[in-house]
Amino acid sequence: MASIRKFKKEINDVLSGIIEDCYACQLEGDDKTSAKAEKIIDEAITTFDELIAKLHQKDVEDQKTHLRELKALLNKNSTLLSGKLSKLTA
């Protein structure tokens, strides 16, 4: 179960880092940039909720495969959100 705890921490660290970067972007940008950053924050929160819900599924046959798929999903979504944020700050 330690790997689940570590993965929860990883999810939290990755997505909270993106959210913090969005807050910094909001402070530096104008209203239009701020609104777009707010949408990215909402997407990050939605991603967090979805990943935690999937992590707590009880009807999983192979736990290792399930965690591997969730890690891949986290990497994909965090890359997507970071890309949106970098376009916003560029």
C-alpha atoms as a PDB file:
ATOM      1  CA  MET A   1       0.000   0.000   0.000  1.00  0.00           C
ATOM      2  CA  ALA A   2       2.984   2.324   0.314  1.00  0.00           C
ATOM      3  CA  SER A   3       3.050   2.779  -3.451  1.00  0.00           C
ATOM      4  CA  ILE A   4      -0.522   4.076  -3.385  1.00  0.00           C
ATOM      5  CA  ARG A   5       0.424   6.601  -0.720  1.00  0.00           C
ATOM      6  CA  LYS A   6       3.453   7.701  -2.755  1.00  0.00           C
ATOM      7  CA  PHE A   7       1.340   7.981  -5.878  1.00  0.00           C
ATOM      8  CA  LYS A   8      -1.202  10.166  -4.080  1.00  0.00           C
ATOM      9  CA  LYS A   9       1.649  12.435  -3.024  1.00  0.00           C
ATOM     10  CA  GLU A  10       2.963  12.492  -6.592  1.00  0.00           C
ATOM     11  CA  ILE A  11      -0.472  13.423  -7.949  1.00  0.00           C
ATOM     12  CA  ASN A  12      -0.758  16.204  -5.399  1.00  0.00           C
ATOM     13  CA  ASP A  13       2.769  17.521  -6.021  1.00  0.00           C
ATOM     14  CA  VAL A  14       2.501  17.564  -9.804  1.00  0.00           C
ATOM     15  CA  LEU A  15      -0.928  19.157 -10.035  1.00  0.00           C
ATOM     16  CA  SER A  16      -0.362  21.636  -7.211  1.00  0.00           C
ATOM     17  CA  GLY A  17       2.823  22.767  -8.988  1.00  0.00           C
ATOM     18  CA  ILE A  18       0.806  23.472 -12.111  1.00  0.00           C
ATOM     19  CA  ILE A  19      -1.798  25.350 -10.071  1.00  0.00           C
ATOM     20  CA  GLU A  20       0.885  27.454  -8.377  1.00  0.00           C
ATOM     21  CA  ASP A  21       2.318  28.352 -11.784  1.00  0.00           C
ATOM     22  CA  CYS A  22      -1.172  29.393 -12.882  1.00  0.00           C
ATOM     23  CA  TYR A  23      -1.516  31.636  -9.845  1.00  0.00           C
ATOM     24  CA  ALA A  24       1.808  33.281 -10.691  1.00  0.00           C
ATOM     25  CA  CYS A  25       0.595  33.757 -14.260  1.00  0.00           C
ATOM     26  CA  GLN A  26      -2.589  35.367 -12.971  1.00  0.00           C
ATOM     27  CA  LEU A  27      -0.614  37.845 -10.879  1.00  0.00           C
ATOM     28  CA  GLU A  28       1.586  38.851 -13.799  1.00  0.00           C
ATOM     29  CA  GLY A  29      -0.992  38.836 -16.581  1.00  0.00           C
ATOM     30  CA  ASP A  30      -4.028  40.811 -17.616  1.00  0.00           C
ATOM     31  CA  ASP A  31      -7.693  39.831 -17.231  1.00  0.00           C
ATOM     32  CA  LYS A  32      -7.743  37.684 -20.366  1.00  0.00           C
ATOM     33  CA  THR A  33      -4.665  35.753 -19.260  1.00  0.00           C
ATOM     34  CA  SER A  34      -6.111  35.429 -15.774  1.00  0.00           C
ATOM     35  CA  ALA A  35      -9.323  33.893 -17.113  1.00  0.00           C
ATOM     36  CA  LYS A  36      -7.407  31.366 -19.202  1.00  0.00           C
ATOM     37  CA  ALA A  37      -5.215  30.481 -16.210  1.00  0.00           C
ATOM     38  CA  GLU A  38      -8.370  29.937 -14.163  1.00  0.00           C
ATOM     39  CA  LYS A  39      -9.579  27.399 -16.739  1.00  0.00           C
ATOM     40  CA  ILE A  40      -6.270  25.555 -16.471  1.00  0.00           C
ATOM     41  CA  ILE A  41      -6.661  25.506 -12.678  1.00  0.00           C
ATOM     42  CA  ASP A  42     -10.146  24.041 -13.065  1.00  0.00           C
ATOM     43  CA  GLU A  43      -8.792  21.363 -15.413  1.00  0.00           C
ATOM     44  CA  ALA A  44      -6.034  20.502 -12.927  1.00  0.00           C
ATOM     45  CA  ILE A  45      -8.558  20.136 -10.111  1.00  0.00           C
ATOM     46  CA  THR A  46     -10.786  17.964 -12.307  1.00  0.00           C
ATOM     47  CA  THR A  47      -7.791  15.809 -13.223  1.00  0.00           C
ATOM     48  CA  PHE A  48      -6.918  15.452  -9.541  1.00  0.00           C
ATOM     49  CA  ASP A  49     -10.445  14.385  -8.648  1.00  0.00           C
ATOM     50  CA  GLU A  50     -10.606  11.863 -11.507  1.00  0.00           C
ATOM     51  CA  LEU A  51      -7.240  10.315 -10.661  1.00  0.00           C
ATOM     52  CA  ILE A  52      -8.048   9.974  -6.954  1.00  0.00           C
ATOM     53  CA  ALA A  53     -11.433   8.415  -7.782  1.00  0.00           C
ATOM     54  CA  LYS A  54      -9.792   5.916 -10.138  1.00  0.00           C
ATOM     55  CA  LEU A  55      -7.088   5.198  -7.576  1.00  0.00           C
ATOM     56  CA  HIS A  56      -9.694   4.211  -4.997  1.00  0.00           C
ATOM     57  CA  GLN A  57     -11.539   1.771  -7.269  1.00  0.00           C
ATOM     58  CA  LYS A  58     -12.105  -1.504  -5.466  1.00  0.00           C
ATOM     59  CA  ASP A  59     -12.855  -3.748  -8.458  1.00  0.00           C
ATOM     60  CA  VAL A  60      -9.304  -3.758  -9.858  1.00  0.00           C
ATOM     61  CA  GLU A  61      -7.878  -7.134 -10.862  1.00  0.00           C
ATOM     62  CA  ASP A  62      -4.204  -6.225 -11.232  1.00  0.00           C
ATOM     63  CA  GLN A  63      -3.150  -3.407  -8.917  1.00  0.00           C
ATOM     64  CA  LYS A  64       0.288  -2.886 -10.502  1.00  0.00           C
ATOM     65  CA  THR A  65      -1.132  -2.514 -13.999  1.00  0.00           C
ATOM     66  CA  HIS A  66      -3.821  -0.195 -12.695  1.00  0.00           C
ATOM     67  CA  LEU A  67      -1.230   2.055 -11.014  1.00  0.00           C
ATOM     68  CA  ARG A  68       0.931   2.027 -14.132  1.00  0.00           C
ATOM     69  CA  GLU A  69      -2.048   3.172 -16.229  1.00  0.00           C
ATOM     70  CA  LEU A  70      -2.864   5.910 -13.732  1.00  0.00           C
ATOM     71  CA  LYS A  71       0.732   7.141 -13.738  1.00  0.00           C
ATOM     72  CA  ALA A  72       0.645   7.289 -17.532  1.00  0.00           C
ATOM     73  CA  LEU A  73      -2.609   9.250 -17.337  1.00  0.00           C
ATOM     74  CA  LEU A  74      -1.074  11.662 -14.824  1.00  0.00           C
ATOM     75  CA  ASN A  75       1.949  12.201 -17.071  1.00  0.00           C
ATOM     76  CA  LYS A  76      -0.253  12.762 -20.124  1.00  0.00           C
ATOM     77  CA  ASN A  77      -2.577  15.213 -18.375  1.00  0.00           C
ATOM     78  CA  SER A  78       0.207  17.117 -16.618  1.00  0.00           C
ATOM     79  CA  THR A  79       2.083  17.484 -19.917  1.00  0.00           C
ATOM     80  CA  LEU A  80      -1.084  18.750 -21.564  1.00  0.00           C
ATOM     81  CA  LEU A  81      -1.755  21.266 -18.783  1.00  0.00           C
ATOM     82  CA  SER A  82       1.867  22.425 -18.738  1.00  0.00           C
ATOM     83  CA  GLY A  83       1.716  22.926 -22.494  1.00  0.00           C
ATOM     84  CA  LYS A  84      -1.392  25.069 -22.161  1.00  0.00           C
ATOM     85  CA  LEU A  85       0.267  27.098 -19.434  1.00  0.00           C
ATOM     86  CA  SER A  86       3.444  27.616 -21.442  1.00  0.00           C
ATOM     87  CA  LYS A  87       1.403  28.860 -24.419  1.00  0.00           C
ATOM     88  CA  LEU A  88      -0.319  31.256 -22.051  1.00  0.00           C
ATOM     89  CA  THR A  89       2.909  32.674 -20.670  1.00  0.00           C
ATOM     90  CA  ALA A  90       4.707  32.878 -24.021  1.00  0.00           C
END
